[in-house]
Amino acid sequence: MPIQGRADDEVALRAEFFKHVLGLMDKAAARRGRTLFYHVGQPELLAHVYFALHDAFKSFYLRDGHLSDSAKRAAVSCATVIAVAPIHPNPNLTVDPNTDDDIDYPNPFLAARCAATYLSHPFEKKSWDARRRDYVGYTGLQFACVDPIIADWEANNGRVTQAWLVPKLSPQEEASLCLLANSFQTAALFQVPQQSDR
């Protein structure tokens, strides 16, 4: 059942997006000899949470009839993954804290990959320390407004069973989404080649 104002096919299409990116993460981990675990119903949950956060954030910054910009969609995609934290690393694998591997931070890495779909940003050009700071920063974000949707999914064997109203963002949640949107937008600016007359 979708978020109020969203159709089933919108949720299904967004779930396909998350399923695709989770598949890419699986392949990246497998190339490094790693295994990641996530519930088969996670893409649907991610889609519901995405629209809940998107529409809540949109209510602050968009007038009716205007489309959300890429930076906001990138921010909401990142926040969605952080709120749900769908990936669980292999519990039998000990990770060396001295390795420089994005896959050691699977959910923040997934969050960055989802954001990059909407707004190009040079994560791969950042130093490991810079990427790790991003990942640690993402992990510290909290979006309690979508906890009831996640709880519904967990209580019903990986299905969202209710139609949920668009939640109200707390001031902290709004601030987090604003900072994410601005950071992705700023990072994308570094993708523009410097002009010869500057």
C-alpha atoms as a PDB file:
ATOM      1  CA  MET A   1       0.000   0.000   0.000  1.00  0.00           C
ATOM      2  CA  PRO A   2       1.531   3.325  -0.980  1.00  0.00           C
ATOM      3  CA  ILE A   3       2.245   6.541   0.842  1.00  0.00           C
ATOM      4  CA  GLN A   4      -0.765   8.855   0.646  1.00  0.00           C
ATOM      5  CA  GLY A   5      -0.839  10.524  -2.757  1.00  0.00           C
ATOM      6  CA  ARG A   6       1.402   7.915  -4.424  1.00  0.00           C
ATOM      7  CA  ALA A   7       0.209   5.187  -6.752  1.00  0.00           C
ATOM      8  CA  ASP A   8       1.184   1.518  -6.484  1.00  0.00           C
ATOM      9  CA  ASP A   9       3.037   1.693  -9.806  1.00  0.00           C
ATOM     10  CA  GLU A  10       5.174   4.614  -8.572  1.00  0.00           C
ATOM     11  CA  VAL A  11       6.212   2.600  -5.531  1.00  0.00           C
ATOM     12  CA  ALA A  12       6.896  -0.462  -7.700  1.00  0.00           C
ATOM     13  CA  LEU A  13       9.064   1.556 -10.098  1.00  0.00           C
ATOM     14  CA  ARG A  14      11.074   3.063  -7.251  1.00  0.00           C
ATOM     15  CA  ALA A  15      11.449  -0.413  -5.714  1.00  0.00           C
ATOM     16  CA  GLU A  16      12.950  -1.612  -9.023  1.00  0.00           C
ATOM     17  CA  PHE A  17      15.499   1.182  -8.822  1.00  0.00           C
ATOM     18  CA  PHE A  18      16.567   0.125  -5.325  1.00  0.00           C
ATOM     19  CA  LYS A  19      16.621  -3.540  -6.366  1.00  0.00           C
ATOM     20  CA  HIS A  20      18.948  -2.642  -9.248  1.00  0.00           C
ATOM     21  CA  VAL A  21      21.378  -0.694  -7.040  1.00  0.00           C
ATOM     22  CA  LEU A  22      21.372  -3.452  -4.406  1.00  0.00           C
ATOM     23  CA  GLY A  23      22.292  -5.864  -7.210  1.00  0.00           C
ATOM     24  CA  LEU A  24      25.216  -3.636  -8.180  1.00  0.00           C
ATOM     25  CA  MET A  25      26.355  -3.630  -4.562  1.00  0.00           C
ATOM     26  CA  ASP A  26      26.171  -7.429  -4.490  1.00  0.00           C
ATOM     27  CA  LYS A  27      28.394  -7.643  -7.556  1.00  0.00           C
ATOM     28  CA  ALA A  28      30.888  -5.138  -6.139  1.00  0.00           C
ATOM     29  CA  ALA A  29      31.124  -7.123  -2.895  1.00  0.00           C
ATOM     30  CA  ALA A  30      31.458 -10.432  -4.757  1.00  0.00           C
ATOM     31  CA  ARG A  31      34.382  -9.048  -6.776  1.00  0.00           C
ATOM     32  CA  ARG A  32      36.102  -8.390  -3.455  1.00  0.00           C
ATOM     33  CA  GLY A  33      35.335 -11.894  -2.198  1.00  0.00           C
ATOM     34  CA  ARG A  34      32.622 -10.607   0.116  1.00  0.00           C
ATOM     35  CA  THR A  35      28.975 -11.457   0.729  1.00  0.00           C
ATOM     36  CA  LEU A  36      26.262  -8.997   1.674  1.00  0.00           C
ATOM     37  CA  PHE A  37      22.885  -9.924   3.111  1.00  0.00           C
ATOM     38  CA  TYR A  38      19.540  -8.173   2.704  1.00  0.00           C
ATOM     39  CA  HIS A  39      15.893  -9.196   2.794  1.00  0.00           C
ATOM     40  CA  VAL A  40      14.226  -9.745  -0.572  1.00  0.00           C
ATOM     41  CA  GLY A  41      11.534  -7.230   0.436  1.00  0.00           C
ATOM     42  CA  GLN A  42      13.971  -4.411   1.146  1.00  0.00           C
ATOM     43  CA  PRO A  43      13.463  -2.647  -2.224  1.00  0.00           C
ATOM     44  CA  GLU A  44       9.742  -2.211  -1.487  1.00  0.00           C
ATOM     45  CA  LEU A  45      10.483  -0.828   1.981  1.00  0.00           C
ATOM     46  CA  LEU A  46      13.094   1.538   0.546  1.00  0.00           C
ATOM     47  CA  ALA A  47      10.551   2.778  -2.013  1.00  0.00           C
ATOM     48  CA  HIS A  48       7.952   3.543   0.675  1.00  0.00           C
ATOM     49  CA  VAL A  49      10.482   5.326   2.862  1.00  0.00           C
ATOM     50  CA  TYR A  50      11.798   7.264  -0.143  1.00  0.00           C
ATOM     51  CA  PHE A  51       8.374   8.685  -0.971  1.00  0.00           C
ATOM     52  CA  ALA A  52       7.614   9.428   2.686  1.00  0.00           C
ATOM     53  CA  LEU A  53      10.823  11.447   3.065  1.00  0.00           C
ATOM     54  CA  HIS A  54      10.584  12.984  -0.410  1.00  0.00           C
ATOM     55  CA  ASP A  55       7.053  14.269   0.057  1.00  0.00           C
ATOM     56  CA  ALA A  56       7.755  15.467   3.598  1.00  0.00           C
ATOM     57  CA  PHE A  57      10.837  17.390   2.428  1.00  0.00           C
ATOM     58  CA  LYS A  58       9.030  18.690  -0.647  1.00  0.00           C
ATOM     59  CA  SER A  59       6.360  20.252   1.550  1.00  0.00           C
ATOM     60  CA  PHE A  60       8.971  22.620   2.986  1.00  0.00           C
ATOM     61  CA  TYR A  61      10.657  23.704  -0.227  1.00  0.00           C
ATOM     62  CA  LEU A  62       8.406  23.282  -3.237  1.00  0.00           C
ATOM     63  CA  ARG A  63       5.279  25.027  -4.360  1.00  0.00           C
ATOM     64  CA  ASP A  64       2.523  23.030  -6.054  1.00  0.00           C
ATOM     65  CA  GLY A  65       3.325  22.251  -9.659  1.00  0.00           C
ATOM     66  CA  HIS A  66       7.102  22.469  -9.250  1.00  0.00           C
ATOM     67  CA  LEU A  67       9.337  19.457  -9.604  1.00  0.00           C
ATOM     68  CA  SER A  68      11.954  18.470  -7.036  1.00  0.00           C
ATOM     69  CA  ASP A  69      15.498  19.247  -8.109  1.00  0.00           C
ATOM     70  CA  SER A  70      18.301  16.730  -8.416  1.00  0.00           C
ATOM     71  CA  ALA A  71      20.050  17.750  -5.200  1.00  0.00           C
ATOM     72  CA  LYS A  72      16.893  17.135  -3.159  1.00  0.00           C
ATOM     73  CA  ARG A  73      16.302  13.748  -4.795  1.00  0.00           C
ATOM     74  CA  ALA A  74      19.932  12.804  -4.124  1.00  0.00           C
ATOM     75  CA  ALA A  75      19.566  13.848  -0.481  1.00  0.00           C
ATOM     76  CA  VAL A  76      16.340  11.895  -0.008  1.00  0.00           C
ATOM     77  CA  SER A  77      17.816   8.789  -1.672  1.00  0.00           C
ATOM     78  CA  CYS A  78      20.809   8.926   0.655  1.00  0.00           C
ATOM     79  CA  ALA A  79      18.602   9.503   3.708  1.00  0.00           C
ATOM     80  CA  THR A  80      16.329   6.612   2.715  1.00  0.00           C
ATOM     81  CA  VAL A  81      19.173   4.107   2.682  1.00  0.00           C
ATOM     82  CA  ILE A  82      20.521   5.413   5.983  1.00  0.00           C
ATOM     83  CA  ALA A  83      17.077   5.235   7.621  1.00  0.00           C
ATOM     84  CA  VAL A  84      16.452   1.656   6.464  1.00  0.00           C
ATOM     85  CA  ALA A  85      20.046   0.340   6.578  1.00  0.00           C
ATOM     86  CA  PRO A  86      19.090  -2.640   4.379  1.00  0.00           C
ATOM     87  CA  ILE A  87      22.482  -4.333   4.061  1.00  0.00           C
ATOM     88  CA  HIS A  88      23.982  -6.585   6.697  1.00  0.00           C
ATOM     89  CA  PRO A  89      27.625  -7.626   6.267  1.00  0.00           C
ATOM     90  CA  ASN A  90      28.610 -11.249   6.626  1.00  0.00           C
ATOM     91  CA  PRO A  91      28.701 -11.859  10.407  1.00  0.00           C
ATOM     92  CA  ASN A  92      31.430 -14.474   9.953  1.00  0.00           C
ATOM     93  CA  LEU A  93      33.820 -12.028   8.291  1.00  0.00           C
ATOM     94  CA  THR A  94      36.277  -9.985  10.317  1.00  0.00           C
ATOM     95  CA  VAL A  95      36.959  -6.648   8.659  1.00  0.00           C
ATOM     96  CA  ASP A  96      40.435  -5.187   8.929  1.00  0.00           C
ATOM     97  CA  PRO A  97      39.911  -1.568  10.108  1.00  0.00           C
ATOM     98  CA  ASN A  98      43.071  -0.523   8.241  1.00  0.00           C
ATOM     99  CA  THR A  99      41.738  -1.425   4.785  1.00  0.00           C
ATOM    100  CA  ASP A 100      40.564   1.311   2.464  1.00  0.00           C
ATOM    101  CA  ASP A 101      37.461  -0.360   1.055  1.00  0.00           C
ATOM    102  CA  ASP A 102      34.095   1.325   0.519  1.00  0.00           C
ATOM    103  CA  ILE A 103      32.354  -2.023   0.920  1.00  0.00           C
ATOM    104  CA  ASP A 104      33.356  -1.973   4.606  1.00  0.00           C
ATOM    105  CA  TYR A 105      30.650   0.706   4.917  1.00  0.00           C
ATOM    106  CA  PRO A 106      27.921  -1.037   2.894  1.00  0.00           C
ATOM    107  CA  ASN A 107      24.910   1.104   3.775  1.00  0.00           C
ATOM    108  CA  PRO A 108      26.663   4.486   3.486  1.00  0.00           C
ATOM    109  CA  PHE A 109      28.301   3.266   0.260  1.00  0.00           C
ATOM    110  CA  LEU A 110      24.866   2.258  -1.062  1.00  0.00           C
ATOM    111  CA  ALA A 111      23.504   5.646   0.026  1.00  0.00           C
ATOM    112  CA  ALA A 112      26.238   7.420  -1.948  1.00  0.00           C
ATOM    113  CA  ARG A 113      25.598   5.262  -5.031  1.00  0.00           C
ATOM    114  CA  CYS A 114      21.871   6.012  -4.909  1.00  0.00           C
ATOM    115  CA  ALA A 115      22.537   9.740  -4.556  1.00  0.00           C
ATOM    116  CA  ALA A 116      24.956   9.669  -7.484  1.00  0.00           C
ATOM    117  CA  THR A 117      22.136   8.476  -9.735  1.00  0.00           C
ATOM    118  CA  TYR A 118      20.460  11.858  -9.423  1.00  0.00           C
ATOM    119  CA  LEU A 119      23.388  14.218  -9.162  1.00  0.00           C
ATOM    120  CA  SER A 120      26.888  13.466 -10.333  1.00  0.00           C
ATOM    121  CA  HIS A 121      29.419  13.861  -7.596  1.00  0.00           C
ATOM    122  CA  PRO A 122      33.064  12.784  -7.591  1.00  0.00           C
ATOM    123  CA  PHE A 123      33.050  10.247  -4.751  1.00  0.00           C
ATOM    124  CA  GLU A 124      35.544   8.084  -6.590  1.00  0.00           C
ATOM    125  CA  LYS A 125      37.920  11.071  -6.845  1.00  0.00           C
ATOM    126  CA  LYS A 126      37.859  11.777  -3.121  1.00  0.00           C
ATOM    127  CA  SER A 127      40.587  10.482  -0.873  1.00  0.00           C
ATOM    128  CA  TRP A 128      39.742   7.476   1.278  1.00  0.00           C
ATOM    129  CA  ASP A 129      39.692   9.677   4.388  1.00  0.00           C
ATOM    130  CA  ALA A 130      37.205  12.046   2.738  1.00  0.00           C
ATOM    131  CA  ARG A 131      34.924   9.187   1.673  1.00  0.00           C
ATOM    132  CA  ARG A 132      35.153   7.600   5.110  1.00  0.00           C
ATOM    133  CA  ARG A 133      34.178  10.911   6.741  1.00  0.00           C
ATOM    134  CA  ASP A 134      31.132  11.024   4.471  1.00  0.00           C
ATOM    135  CA  TYR A 135      30.211   7.449   5.391  1.00  0.00           C
ATOM    136  CA  VAL A 136      30.611   8.019   9.113  1.00  0.00           C
ATOM    137  CA  GLY A 137      28.627  11.237   8.804  1.00  0.00           C
ATOM    138  CA  TYR A 138      25.778   9.472   6.981  1.00  0.00           C
ATOM    139  CA  THR A 139      25.681   6.714   9.595  1.00  0.00           C
ATOM    140  CA  GLY A 140      25.083   9.282  12.334  1.00  0.00           C
ATOM    141  CA  LEU A 141      21.921  10.642  10.683  1.00  0.00           C
ATOM    142  CA  GLN A 142      18.539   9.596  12.045  1.00  0.00           C
ATOM    143  CA  PHE A 143      15.088   9.830  10.473  1.00  0.00           C
ATOM    144  CA  ALA A 144      12.687   8.685  13.177  1.00  0.00           C
ATOM    145  CA  CYS A 145       9.679  10.013  11.248  1.00  0.00           C
ATOM    146  CA  VAL A 146       9.771   6.882   9.051  1.00  0.00           C
ATOM    147  CA  ASP A 147      10.285   4.403  11.916  1.00  0.00           C
ATOM    148  CA  PRO A 148       6.567   3.415  11.930  1.00  0.00           C
ATOM    149  CA  ILE A 149       6.788   2.398   8.247  1.00  0.00           C
ATOM    150  CA  ILE A 150       9.879   0.312   8.962  1.00  0.00           C
ATOM    151  CA  ALA A 151       8.182  -1.258  11.996  1.00  0.00           C
ATOM    152  CA  ASP A 152       5.128  -2.156   9.877  1.00  0.00           C
ATOM    153  CA  TRP A 153       7.397  -3.833   7.322  1.00  0.00           C
ATOM    154  CA  GLU A 154       9.317  -5.747  10.010  1.00  0.00           C
ATOM    155  CA  ALA A 155       6.118  -6.920  11.733  1.00  0.00           C
ATOM    156  CA  ASN A 156       4.582  -8.214   8.503  1.00  0.00           C
ATOM    157  CA  ASN A 157       7.241 -10.449   6.995  1.00  0.00           C
ATOM    158  CA  GLY A 158       8.761  -7.863   4.699  1.00  0.00           C
ATOM    159  CA  ARG A 159       5.591  -6.136   3.524  1.00  0.00           C
ATOM    160  CA  VAL A 160       4.226  -2.660   4.125  1.00  0.00           C
ATOM    161  CA  THR A 161       0.579  -3.335   4.939  1.00  0.00           C
ATOM    162  CA  GLN A 162      -0.807   0.131   5.631  1.00  0.00           C
ATOM    163  CA  ALA A 163      -1.268   3.298   3.630  1.00  0.00           C
ATOM    164  CA  TRP A 164       0.877   5.845   5.426  1.00  0.00           C
ATOM    165  CA  LEU A 165       0.370   9.567   5.682  1.00  0.00           C
ATOM    166  CA  VAL A 166       3.283  11.771   4.667  1.00  0.00           C
ATOM    167  CA  PRO A 167       5.234  12.209   7.921  1.00  0.00           C
ATOM    168  CA  LYS A 168       6.225  15.508   9.474  1.00  0.00           C
ATOM    169  CA  LEU A 169       9.974  16.088   9.557  1.00  0.00           C
ATOM    170  CA  SER A 170      11.541  17.145  12.816  1.00  0.00           C
ATOM    171  CA  PRO A 171      13.783  20.234  12.675  1.00  0.00           C
ATOM    172  CA  GLN A 172      16.805  17.908  12.890  1.00  0.00           C
ATOM    173  CA  GLU A 173      15.557  15.760  10.009  1.00  0.00           C
ATOM    174  CA  GLU A 174      14.882  18.808   7.862  1.00  0.00           C
ATOM    175  CA  ALA A 175      18.351  20.156   8.672  1.00  0.00           C
ATOM    176  CA  SER A 176      19.970  16.824   7.775  1.00  0.00           C
ATOM    177  CA  LEU A 177      18.210  16.711   4.402  1.00  0.00           C
ATOM    178  CA  CYS A 178      19.182  20.319   3.685  1.00  0.00           C
ATOM    179  CA  LEU A 179      22.829  19.625   4.498  1.00  0.00           C
ATOM    180  CA  LEU A 180      22.826  16.483   2.352  1.00  0.00           C
ATOM    181  CA  ALA A 181      21.241  18.322  -0.585  1.00  0.00           C
ATOM    182  CA  ASN A 182      23.759  21.139  -0.359  1.00  0.00           C
ATOM    183  CA  SER A 183      26.729  18.782   0.001  1.00  0.00           C
ATOM    184  CA  PHE A 184      25.720  16.797  -3.108  1.00  0.00           C
ATOM    185  CA  GLN A 185      25.079  19.973  -5.062  1.00  0.00           C
ATOM    186  CA  THR A 186      28.434  21.444  -4.022  1.00  0.00           C
ATOM    187  CA  ALA A 187      30.271  18.231  -4.877  1.00  0.00           C
ATOM    188  CA  ALA A 188      28.627  18.184  -8.301  1.00  0.00           C
ATOM    189  CA  LEU A 189      30.006  21.641  -9.026  1.00  0.00           C
ATOM    190  CA  PHE A 190      33.509  20.206  -8.901  1.00  0.00           C
ATOM    191  CA  GLN A 191      32.596  18.056 -11.892  1.00  0.00           C
ATOM    192  CA  VAL A 192      32.374  21.175 -14.094  1.00  0.00           C
ATOM    193  CA  PRO A 193      35.686  21.786 -15.897  1.00  0.00           C
ATOM    194  CA  GLN A 194      37.358  25.055 -15.033  1.00  0.00           C
ATOM    195  CA  GLN A 195      36.972  27.624 -17.779  1.00  0.00           C
ATOM    196  CA  SER A 196      40.118  28.928 -19.434  1.00  0.00           C
ATOM    197  CA  ASP A 197      39.253  32.549 -18.680  1.00  0.00           C
ATOM    198  CA  ARG A 198      39.062  32.020 -14.906  1.00  0.00           C
END
